[in-house]
Amino acid sequence: MSETLQIDPQMLERYDVTAPRYTSYPTALAFHPGWDEAAYVAHVRAHRAPDEPLSMYVHVPFCHSACFYCACNRIITANRRHAEHYLERLIREIHAQAALLGPRPLAQLHFGGGTPTYLDDDQLERLMGVIGEAFPFAPVSEREFSIEIDPRTVDPARMRRLREMGFSRVSLGVQDFDPAVQAAINRIQSAEMVSQVLAAARGEGFTSTNMDLIYGLPKQDRARFDATLERIIRMRPERLAIYNYAHLPERFKMQRQIDADTLPGPEEKLGIFNDAIRRLTEAGYVYIGMDHFALPEDELAQALAADTLQRNFQGYSTRGGLDLVGVGSTAIGHIAGAYSQNHHNLAAYNEAIDDGRLAVAKGYRRDADDELRAEVIEAVMCRSRLDFNDVSARHGIDFADYFADALADLRPAEADGLVVIGDDSLTVTRQGRLFLRQIAMPFDAHRRRGESDILRRFSRAI
């Protein structure tokens, strides 16, 4: 596998385009303010399913310090009162969502940010208590509760408290261990610190750990990143995500702190990514797709092997089919085919909650064509295969006729050995799995219609 999964520079020239990550279909760029709080409430009331398991995303926007590469929705502050005021509003929003949705059992929970561990232990424990009262927790064997962690904000005692609160998975933001790279991105943390946090998580019985790395950062080169990978492989987290840094200082002001002249060039950046694929697959990691890797015994790799892998706003998932409720500023939910997103602006979020309203700012309700295309794109992204007859039978269409334009667009990819298109199926080859976003794009009707200059808003695929 390590010999096959390498990107050829000439092929990269043809396929390194801006492309959605397809954590949803359509993407969040299709969301519009016409889908407001009233539309959301009416939709949820019409699709109440109080006995069906639920997923929840909780957004905590605060960080202690700025990481120059970051493009997330976050607020840099040392004023702890902001967190307490935000927590009070989160609690009110959770109660309001519970009153609307009913006491559905919570099977999946993810805290993201920002830095969720910006909240102290007592605040997190209080929040978890409120969530558990509003949405009864599913049995331990049937649930997955995860939290993103800045390793600089925790110690073994905090890891113990987090486990006692019910979290079973942790994701550690690492990015790179090289001191020069860390200084350039304002993210100083030692490999020893990260190793201690990882050991504490394992000692407390967390079932899975993830580490996030970023390639393409300032001062990075193949040798430096290889040294980081060597340390990561020795630590052996169950999952790894290696993200492409997109330098967009015109959109994200904090990135203006990065000297563009220190970024690795295209050839060096491609070498870094190719090296990572080789090193990790040689070390026994399974390439899940795009930028995700997992050990064979991890349930993500097992889901890939069993064709049960799914995709949601947190990326690849084994429980992607659940209705999702999002709470907190900028949080996205997905209930019965309709997306909703809260206000990005914290003041607007606060105002909505203080007025006794939900903070829904925009959203989108999928129609039959969207549902069909969402299923097709997920099959490409997660299973690398489309059965034309199966899709046709379930949706009452002729696949080859309905998607004639998409299949025609994919003929060059077939000639390049990325897909095999037969009379009744499309199969993504092993090499093609490096280009899943590009292979999925032809099935995206919103992209075809050129809505809202969509492609310019996405990062490059490699």
Protein backbone atom coordinates (compact mmCIF):
# COMPACT_ATOMS: atom_id res chain seq x y z
CA MET A 1 0.00 0.00 0.00
CA SER A 2 2.80 2.43 0.82
CA GLU A 3 4.18 2.03 -2.70
CA THR A 4 0.83 2.66 -4.38
CA LEU A 5 -0.51 5.55 -2.32
CA GLN A 6 1.79 8.28 -3.59
CA ILE A 7 0.67 11.35 -5.52
CA ASP A 8 2.41 11.94 -8.81
CA PRO A 9 3.32 15.63 -9.31
CA GLN A 10 1.91 15.69 -12.84
CA MET A 11 -1.38 14.25 -11.62
CA LEU A 12 -1.44 16.81 -8.84
CA GLU A 13 -1.36 19.59 -11.43
CA ARG A 14 -4.61 18.27 -12.86
CA TYR A 15 -6.40 17.52 -9.58
CA ASP A 16 -5.15 20.00 -6.99
CA VAL A 17 -8.26 22.16 -7.25
CA THR A 18 -10.41 23.88 -4.64
CA ALA A 19 -12.99 21.36 -3.46
CA PRO A 20 -15.50 20.85 -0.63
CA ARG A 21 -14.70 18.40 2.16
CA TYR A 22 -18.30 17.09 1.91
CA THR A 23 -18.98 16.88 5.62
CA SER A 24 -22.49 17.76 4.43
CA TYR A 25 -24.38 17.95 1.17
CA PRO A 26 -25.05 20.56 0.14
CA THR A 27 -22.17 22.35 1.84
CA ALA A 28 -22.69 25.11 4.39
CA LEU A 29 -22.24 27.70 1.63
CA ALA A 30 -25.73 26.79 0.41
CA PHE A 31 -27.28 27.72 3.77
CA HIS A 32 -29.45 30.84 3.58
CA PRO A 33 -31.18 33.19 6.09
CA GLY A 34 -34.60 32.24 4.74
CA TRP A 35 -34.28 29.12 6.87
CA ASP A 36 -34.61 30.88 10.21
CA GLU A 37 -35.68 29.97 13.73
CA ALA A 38 -39.37 29.76 12.78
CA ALA A 39 -38.63 27.41 9.89
CA TYR A 40 -36.40 25.26 12.10
CA VAL A 41 -38.99 25.00 14.89
CA ALA A 42 -41.78 24.09 12.47
CA HIS A 43 -39.61 21.46 10.80
CA VAL A 44 -38.55 19.81 14.05
CA ARG A 45 -42.12 19.74 15.37
CA ALA A 46 -43.22 18.03 12.16
CA HIS A 47 -40.48 15.40 12.50
CA ARG A 48 -40.41 14.65 16.21
CA ALA A 49 -38.87 11.27 16.97
CA PRO A 50 -38.49 11.20 20.78
CA ASP A 51 -37.27 7.61 20.92
CA GLU A 52 -34.59 7.91 18.21
CA PRO A 53 -30.93 8.31 19.29
CA LEU A 54 -29.43 11.75 18.85
CA SER A 55 -26.01 13.31 18.26
CA MET A 56 -24.99 16.67 19.73
CA TYR A 57 -22.23 19.14 18.88
CA VAL A 58 -21.25 21.74 21.49
CA HIS A 59 -19.17 24.70 20.33
CA VAL A 60 -16.90 26.47 22.82
CA PRO A 61 -15.35 29.45 20.97
CA PHE A 62 -12.75 30.63 23.50
CA CYS A 63 -8.96 30.22 23.40
CA HIS A 64 -6.25 31.44 25.77
CA SER A 65 -3.91 32.46 22.93
CA ALA A 66 -3.96 32.80 19.16
CA CYS A 67 -2.56 30.12 16.85
CA PHE A 68 -1.62 31.99 13.68
CA TYR A 69 -2.72 29.21 11.30
CA CYS A 70 -6.22 28.90 12.74
CA ALA A 71 -9.31 29.47 10.59
CA CYS A 72 -11.84 28.38 13.22
CA ASN A 73 -14.53 30.53 14.79
CA ARG A 74 -12.85 31.45 18.09
CA ILE A 75 -12.39 34.30 20.55
CA ILE A 76 -9.03 34.99 22.18
CA THR A 77 -9.52 36.17 25.76
CA ALA A 78 -8.07 35.83 29.23
CA ASN A 79 -11.28 37.10 30.82
CA ARG A 80 -12.85 34.04 32.44
CA ARG A 81 -16.17 35.84 32.94
CA HIS A 82 -16.86 35.50 29.21
CA ALA A 83 -16.85 31.72 29.61
CA GLU A 84 -19.26 31.81 32.54
CA HIS A 85 -21.71 34.07 30.70
CA TYR A 86 -21.46 31.85 27.61
CA LEU A 87 -22.06 28.73 29.70
CA GLU A 88 -25.27 30.20 31.12
CA ARG A 89 -26.57 30.81 27.60
CA LEU A 90 -25.51 27.36 26.41
CA ILE A 91 -27.55 25.84 29.23
CA ARG A 92 -30.60 27.85 28.24
CA GLU A 93 -30.20 26.80 24.62
CA ILE A 94 -29.89 23.12 25.59
CA HIS A 95 -33.09 23.31 27.63
CA ALA A 96 -34.90 25.00 24.72
CA GLN A 97 -33.70 22.35 22.26
CA ALA A 98 -34.78 19.58 24.63
CA ALA A 99 -38.26 21.08 24.93
CA LEU A 100 -38.49 21.10 21.14
CA LEU A 101 -36.89 17.75 20.32
CA GLY A 102 -38.13 15.70 23.25
CA PRO A 103 -36.00 13.59 25.62
CA ARG A 104 -34.14 11.69 22.91
CA PRO A 105 -31.31 9.40 24.07
CA LEU A 106 -27.90 10.91 23.37
CA ALA A 107 -25.63 8.43 21.57
CA GLN A 108 -22.95 10.77 20.26
CA LEU A 109 -21.54 13.97 21.76
CA HIS A 110 -18.67 16.12 20.50
CA PHE A 111 -17.19 19.23 22.11
CA GLY A 112 -15.29 21.41 19.65
CA GLY A 113 -13.96 24.92 19.41
CA GLY A 114 -12.05 27.07 19.98
CA THR A 115 -10.78 25.19 22.99
CA PRO A 116 -13.42 23.21 24.91
CA THR A 117 -10.96 22.78 27.80
CA TYR A 118 -10.93 26.56 28.15
CA LEU A 119 -13.89 25.79 30.42
CA ASP A 120 -12.68 24.63 33.82
CA ASP A 121 -13.59 21.24 35.29
CA ASP A 122 -16.52 22.53 37.33
CA GLN A 123 -17.98 24.31 34.31
CA LEU A 124 -17.60 21.24 32.11
CA GLU A 125 -19.12 19.02 34.77
CA ARG A 126 -22.05 21.38 35.17
CA LEU A 127 -22.57 21.44 31.40
CA MET A 128 -22.44 17.65 31.12
CA GLY A 129 -24.97 17.38 33.93
CA VAL A 130 -27.38 19.69 32.11
CA ILE A 131 -26.97 17.77 28.85
CA GLY A 132 -27.62 14.47 30.62
CA GLU A 133 -30.79 15.82 32.22
CA ALA A 134 -32.07 17.20 28.91
CA PHE A 135 -31.11 14.21 26.75
CA PRO A 136 -30.67 10.95 28.70
CA PHE A 137 -27.34 9.34 27.90
CA ALA A 138 -27.49 6.12 25.87
CA PRO A 139 -25.92 3.04 27.50
CA VAL A 140 -22.14 3.23 27.67
CA SER A 141 -21.71 0.49 25.05
CA GLU A 142 -23.87 2.44 22.59
CA ARG A 143 -22.40 5.92 22.89
CA GLU A 144 -19.37 7.92 21.78
CA PHE A 145 -18.54 11.11 23.72
CA SER A 146 -15.50 13.04 22.48
CA ILE A 147 -13.76 16.30 23.28
CA GLU A 148 -11.08 18.32 21.50
CA ILE A 149 -8.16 19.15 23.79
CA ASP A 150 -5.35 21.68 23.73
CA PRO A 151 -2.65 19.62 25.50
CA ARG A 152 -1.43 22.80 27.21
CA THR A 153 -4.69 23.07 29.15
CA VAL A 154 -4.80 19.63 30.79
CA ASP A 155 -2.84 17.43 33.17
CA PRO A 156 -3.44 13.86 34.44
CA ALA A 157 -5.90 15.10 37.06
CA ARG A 158 -7.98 16.87 34.40
CA MET A 159 -7.95 13.79 32.21
CA ARG A 160 -9.34 11.80 35.13
CA ARG A 161 -12.14 14.33 35.60
CA LEU A 162 -12.99 14.29 31.90
CA ARG A 163 -13.25 10.51 31.93
CA GLU A 164 -15.47 10.65 35.01
CA MET A 165 -17.75 13.08 33.18
CA GLY A 166 -18.34 10.42 30.51
CA PHE A 167 -15.97 11.35 27.69
CA SER A 168 -14.60 8.26 25.94
CA ARG A 169 -12.54 9.79 23.09
CA VAL A 170 -10.11 12.70 22.98
CA SER A 171 -8.59 14.62 20.09
CA LEU A 172 -5.29 16.39 20.72
CA GLY A 173 -4.19 19.39 18.70
CA VAL A 174 -0.50 18.77 17.89
CA GLN A 175 0.15 20.31 14.42
CA ASP A 176 3.97 19.89 14.52
CA PHE A 177 6.65 19.20 17.15
CA ASP A 178 9.44 21.19 15.52
CA PRO A 179 10.38 24.24 17.69
CA ALA A 180 10.92 26.56 14.71
CA VAL A 181 7.54 25.67 13.22
CA GLN A 182 5.83 26.06 16.60
CA ALA A 183 7.37 29.51 17.07
CA ALA A 184 6.22 30.55 13.58
CA ILE A 185 2.61 29.58 14.32
CA ASN A 186 2.58 30.70 18.00
CA ARG A 187 1.82 27.20 19.28
CA ILE A 188 4.54 26.12 21.71
CA GLN A 189 4.10 22.66 23.24
CA SER A 190 6.63 19.92 23.73
CA ALA A 191 6.38 16.35 22.51
CA GLU A 192 6.93 15.27 26.12
CA MET A 193 3.85 17.21 27.25
CA VAL A 194 1.70 15.65 24.53
CA SER A 195 3.04 12.19 25.36
CA GLN A 196 2.14 12.65 29.03
CA VAL A 197 -1.41 13.73 28.14
CA LEU A 198 -1.78 10.73 25.84
CA ALA A 199 -0.50 8.37 28.54
CA ALA A 200 -2.92 9.88 31.05
CA ALA A 201 -5.83 9.39 28.65
CA ARG A 202 -4.94 5.75 28.16
CA GLY A 203 -4.44 5.26 31.87
CA GLU A 204 -7.92 6.60 32.55
CA GLY A 205 -9.53 4.24 30.03
CA PHE A 206 -10.28 6.50 27.06
CA THR A 207 -11.16 4.12 24.25
CA SER A 208 -9.62 6.10 21.39
CA THR A 209 -7.24 9.02 20.94
CA ASN A 210 -6.81 11.21 17.89
CA MET A 211 -4.01 13.62 17.01
CA ASP A 212 -4.34 16.47 14.53
CA LEU A 213 -1.31 17.44 12.46
CA ILE A 214 -1.01 20.12 9.77
CA TYR A 215 1.29 20.08 6.75
CA GLY A 216 2.25 23.17 4.76
CA LEU A 217 3.01 25.34 7.82
CA PRO A 218 5.78 27.97 7.87
CA LYS A 219 9.32 26.65 8.34
CA GLN A 220 8.19 23.08 7.62
CA ASP A 221 10.17 20.83 5.33
CA ARG A 222 10.27 17.08 4.74
CA ALA A 223 13.01 16.42 7.29
CA ARG A 224 11.35 18.39 10.08
CA PHE A 225 7.94 16.86 9.53
CA ASP A 226 9.48 13.40 9.30
CA ALA A 227 10.93 13.93 12.78
CA THR A 228 7.45 14.83 14.05
CA LEU A 229 6.00 11.71 12.43
CA GLU A 230 8.71 9.57 14.06
CA ARG A 231 7.61 10.79 17.48
CA ILE A 232 3.92 10.38 16.64
CA ILE A 233 4.44 6.81 15.48
CA ARG A 234 6.18 5.97 18.76
CA MET A 235 3.21 7.41 20.69
CA ARG A 236 0.83 5.41 18.45
CA PRO A 237 -2.49 7.25 18.77
CA GLU A 238 -5.43 5.23 17.48
CA ARG A 239 -6.30 7.90 14.90
CA LEU A 240 -4.49 10.64 13.03
CA ALA A 241 -5.73 13.52 10.90
CA ILE A 242 -3.13 15.30 8.75
CA TYR A 243 -4.69 18.47 7.41
CA ASN A 244 -3.55 20.69 4.57
CA TYR A 245 -2.80 24.25 5.72
CA ALA A 246 -4.68 26.72 3.55
CA HIS A 247 -3.01 30.14 3.68
CA LEU A 248 -5.86 32.62 3.20
CA PRO A 249 -4.78 35.83 4.97
CA GLU A 250 -7.36 37.85 3.03
CA ARG A 251 -10.08 35.89 4.84
CA PHE A 252 -8.46 35.10 8.20
CA LYS A 253 -6.69 38.08 9.75
CA MET A 254 -4.64 35.99 12.17
CA GLN A 255 -2.89 34.31 9.26
CA ARG A 256 -1.36 37.68 8.35
CA GLN A 257 1.08 37.03 11.19
CA ILE A 258 2.62 34.27 9.04
CA ASP A 259 5.40 35.20 6.63
CA ALA A 260 4.30 33.66 3.32
CA ASP A 261 7.93 33.43 2.21
CA THR A 262 8.53 30.79 4.91
CA LEU A 263 5.80 28.45 3.67
CA PRO A 264 7.01 25.27 1.91
CA GLY A 265 6.69 25.38 -1.86
CA PRO A 266 4.30 23.09 -3.76
CA GLU A 267 6.92 20.42 -4.42
CA GLU A 268 8.09 20.34 -0.80
CA LYS A 269 4.51 20.31 0.47
CA LEU A 270 3.61 17.38 -1.76
CA GLY A 271 6.72 15.58 -0.53
CA ILE A 272 5.65 16.11 3.08
CA PHE A 273 2.23 14.58 2.40
CA ASN A 274 3.61 11.67 0.40
CA ASP A 275 6.15 10.97 3.15
CA ALA A 276 3.37 10.98 5.74
CA ILE A 277 1.32 8.43 3.79
CA ARG A 278 4.34 6.19 3.37
CA ARG A 279 5.52 6.42 6.97
CA LEU A 280 2.10 5.84 8.49
CA THR A 281 1.05 2.95 6.26
CA GLU A 282 4.44 1.30 6.85
CA ALA A 283 3.81 1.73 10.58
CA GLY A 284 0.54 -0.19 10.28
CA TYR A 285 -2.01 2.63 9.99
CA VAL A 286 -4.95 2.20 7.63
CA TYR A 287 -5.54 5.06 5.19
CA ILE A 288 -9.22 5.93 5.77
CA GLY A 289 -9.50 8.61 3.11
CA MET A 290 -8.48 12.20 2.41
CA ASP A 291 -6.37 13.09 5.47
CA HIS A 292 -7.45 10.44 8.01
CA PHE A 293 -5.59 7.38 9.27
CA ALA A 294 -6.45 4.79 11.94
CA LEU A 295 -4.97 1.67 13.46
CA PRO A 296 -6.62 -1.56 12.23
CA GLU A 297 -8.21 -2.25 15.62
CA ASP A 298 -9.85 1.18 15.82
CA GLU A 299 -13.56 1.22 15.02
CA LEU A 300 -12.98 3.77 12.24
CA ALA A 301 -10.77 1.32 10.34
CA GLN A 302 -13.21 -1.49 11.12
CA ALA A 303 -16.09 0.59 9.75
CA LEU A 304 -14.11 1.18 6.55
CA ALA A 305 -13.58 -2.56 6.14
CA ALA A 306 -17.24 -3.31 6.86
CA ASP A 307 -18.59 -0.61 4.50
CA THR A 308 -20.33 1.16 7.40
CA LEU A 309 -18.16 4.28 7.41
CA GLN A 310 -20.12 7.54 7.33
CA ARG A 311 -19.38 11.24 7.19
CA ASN A 312 -20.67 14.20 9.21
CA PHE A 313 -19.50 17.63 10.37
CA GLN A 314 -16.78 16.08 12.54
CA GLY A 315 -15.37 14.20 9.54
CA TYR A 316 -15.37 10.42 9.18
CA SER A 317 -17.65 8.71 11.67
CA THR A 318 -19.13 5.37 12.62
CA ARG A 319 -22.38 7.01 13.74
CA GLY A 320 -23.02 9.52 10.99
CA GLY A 321 -26.67 8.65 10.39
CA LEU A 322 -28.00 10.20 13.60
CA ASP A 323 -29.94 13.43 13.77
CA LEU A 324 -27.56 16.13 14.99
CA VAL A 325 -28.38 19.10 17.21
CA GLY A 326 -25.78 21.87 17.39
CA VAL A 327 -25.55 24.25 20.35
CA GLY A 328 -23.35 27.30 20.80
CA SER A 329 -22.29 30.05 18.43
CA THR A 330 -21.74 28.89 14.82
CA ALA A 331 -22.85 25.30 15.65
CA ILE A 332 -24.52 23.33 12.85
CA GLY A 333 -27.33 20.80 13.27
CA HIS A 334 -29.00 18.36 10.89
CA ILE A 335 -32.49 17.14 11.72
CA ALA A 336 -34.57 15.03 9.33
CA GLY A 337 -32.98 16.34 6.15
CA ALA A 338 -32.72 19.99 7.20
CA TYR A 339 -29.58 21.86 8.26
CA SER A 340 -29.49 24.78 10.66
CA GLN A 341 -26.61 26.96 11.79
CA ASN A 342 -26.40 29.32 14.74
CA HIS A 343 -25.08 32.86 14.53
CA HIS A 344 -21.32 33.15 14.02
CA ASN A 345 -21.21 36.48 15.80
CA LEU A 346 -21.18 35.98 19.57
CA ALA A 347 -23.15 39.17 20.23
CA ALA A 348 -25.92 38.02 17.86
CA TYR A 349 -25.92 34.57 19.48
CA ASN A 350 -26.16 36.12 22.95
CA GLU A 351 -28.98 38.45 21.90
CA ALA A 352 -31.06 35.57 20.51
CA ILE A 353 -30.68 33.45 23.64
CA ASP A 354 -31.32 36.43 25.95
CA ASP A 355 -34.54 37.14 24.03
CA GLY A 356 -35.73 33.58 24.67
CA ARG A 357 -35.18 32.49 21.07
CA LEU A 358 -33.08 29.80 19.48
CA ALA A 359 -29.98 31.25 17.80
CA VAL A 360 -30.63 29.86 14.29
CA ALA A 361 -29.25 32.28 11.71
CA LYS A 362 -29.55 30.24 8.51
CA GLY A 363 -30.02 26.75 7.14
CA TYR A 364 -31.21 24.60 4.29
CA ARG A 365 -33.85 21.92 3.74
CA ARG A 366 -32.83 19.19 1.31
CA ASP A 367 -35.17 18.19 -1.51
CA ALA A 368 -35.35 14.78 -3.19
CA ASP A 369 -32.49 15.59 -5.57
CA ASP A 370 -30.31 16.72 -2.65
CA GLU A 371 -31.06 13.51 -0.75
CA LEU A 372 -30.09 11.42 -3.75
CA ARG A 373 -26.87 13.31 -4.38
CA ALA A 374 -25.96 13.30 -0.69
CA GLU A 375 -26.21 9.51 -0.70
CA VAL A 376 -24.11 9.20 -3.85
CA ILE A 377 -21.40 11.56 -2.58
CA GLU A 378 -21.22 9.77 0.77
CA ALA A 379 -20.84 6.44 -1.05
CA VAL A 380 -17.87 7.88 -2.96
CA MET A 381 -16.29 9.47 0.11
CA CYS A 382 -16.82 6.54 2.49
CA ARG A 383 -17.11 3.32 0.48
CA SER A 384 -15.31 4.19 -2.76
CA ARG A 385 -18.01 2.46 -4.75
CA LEU A 386 -21.38 3.17 -6.36
CA ASP A 387 -23.85 0.46 -7.32
CA PHE A 388 -25.93 2.06 -10.08
CA ASN A 389 -28.75 -0.51 -9.90
CA ASP A 390 -29.09 -0.17 -6.12
CA VAL A 391 -29.30 3.63 -6.26
CA SER A 392 -31.71 3.47 -9.20
CA ALA A 393 -34.05 1.04 -7.44
CA ARG A 394 -34.21 3.02 -4.20
CA HIS A 395 -34.74 6.41 -5.86
CA GLY A 396 -36.77 5.46 -8.93
CA ILE A 397 -34.25 6.77 -11.45
CA ASP A 398 -32.00 5.50 -14.19
CA PHE A 399 -28.56 6.21 -12.73
CA ALA A 400 -26.66 6.40 -16.02
CA ASP A 401 -29.21 8.82 -17.46
CA TYR A 402 -29.66 10.94 -14.30
CA PHE A 403 -25.93 11.35 -13.76
CA ALA A 404 -24.82 11.34 -17.40
CA ASP A 405 -23.02 14.68 -17.02
CA ALA A 406 -21.19 13.55 -13.88
CA LEU A 407 -20.07 10.28 -15.46
CA ALA A 408 -18.85 12.15 -18.53
CA ASP A 409 -16.87 14.53 -16.31
CA LEU A 410 -15.21 11.53 -14.64
CA ARG A 411 -13.91 9.98 -17.87
CA PRO A 412 -10.57 11.81 -17.60
CA ALA A 413 -10.21 10.48 -14.05
CA GLU A 414 -10.90 7.00 -15.42
CA ALA A 415 -8.19 7.49 -18.02
CA ASP A 416 -5.82 8.49 -15.19
CA GLY A 417 -6.61 5.30 -13.28
CA LEU A 418 -8.52 6.96 -10.44
CA VAL A 419 -11.91 5.33 -11.10
CA VAL A 420 -13.31 2.39 -13.00
CA ILE A 421 -16.71 3.05 -14.58
CA GLY A 422 -18.64 -0.04 -15.58
CA ASP A 423 -22.13 -0.61 -16.91
CA ASP A 424 -23.61 -0.85 -13.43
CA SER A 425 -21.01 0.51 -11.02
CA LEU A 426 -18.31 3.05 -10.31
CA THR A 427 -15.31 2.01 -8.24
CA VAL A 428 -12.65 4.35 -6.87
CA THR A 429 -9.23 2.75 -7.24
CA ARG A 430 -6.64 2.62 -4.47
CA GLN A 431 -4.86 5.56 -6.08
CA GLY A 432 -8.16 7.36 -6.58
CA ARG A 433 -8.82 7.36 -2.83
CA LEU A 434 -6.27 10.16 -2.60
CA PHE A 435 -8.62 12.29 -4.72
CA LEU A 436 -12.03 11.53 -3.19
CA ARG A 437 -13.13 15.16 -3.02
CA GLN A 438 -12.42 15.67 -6.72
CA ILE A 439 -14.20 12.42 -7.67
CA ALA A 440 -17.28 13.41 -5.64
CA MET A 441 -17.53 16.92 -7.09
CA PRO A 442 -19.12 16.03 -10.45
CA PHE A 443 -22.17 14.71 -8.56
CA ASP A 444 -22.61 18.10 -6.80
CA ALA A 445 -25.50 19.94 -8.47
CA HIS A 446 -24.85 23.13 -6.50
CA ARG A 447 -21.34 23.26 -7.89
CA ARG A 448 -22.70 22.66 -11.39
CA ARG A 449 -25.11 25.57 -11.03
CA GLY A 450 -22.22 27.77 -9.94
CA GLU A 451 -24.11 28.99 -6.89
CA SER A 452 -22.49 31.83 -4.92
CA ASP A 453 -19.02 31.49 -6.49
CA ILE A 454 -18.82 28.32 -4.45
CA LEU A 455 -15.45 26.92 -5.47
CA ARG A 456 -13.44 30.02 -4.56
CA ARG A 457 -14.53 29.57 -0.95
CA PHE A 458 -12.97 26.14 -0.44
CA SER A 459 -9.42 25.09 0.29
CA ARG A 460 -7.30 23.17 -2.19
CA ALA A 461 -7.74 19.43 -2.04
CA ILE A 462 -4.07 18.56 -1.55
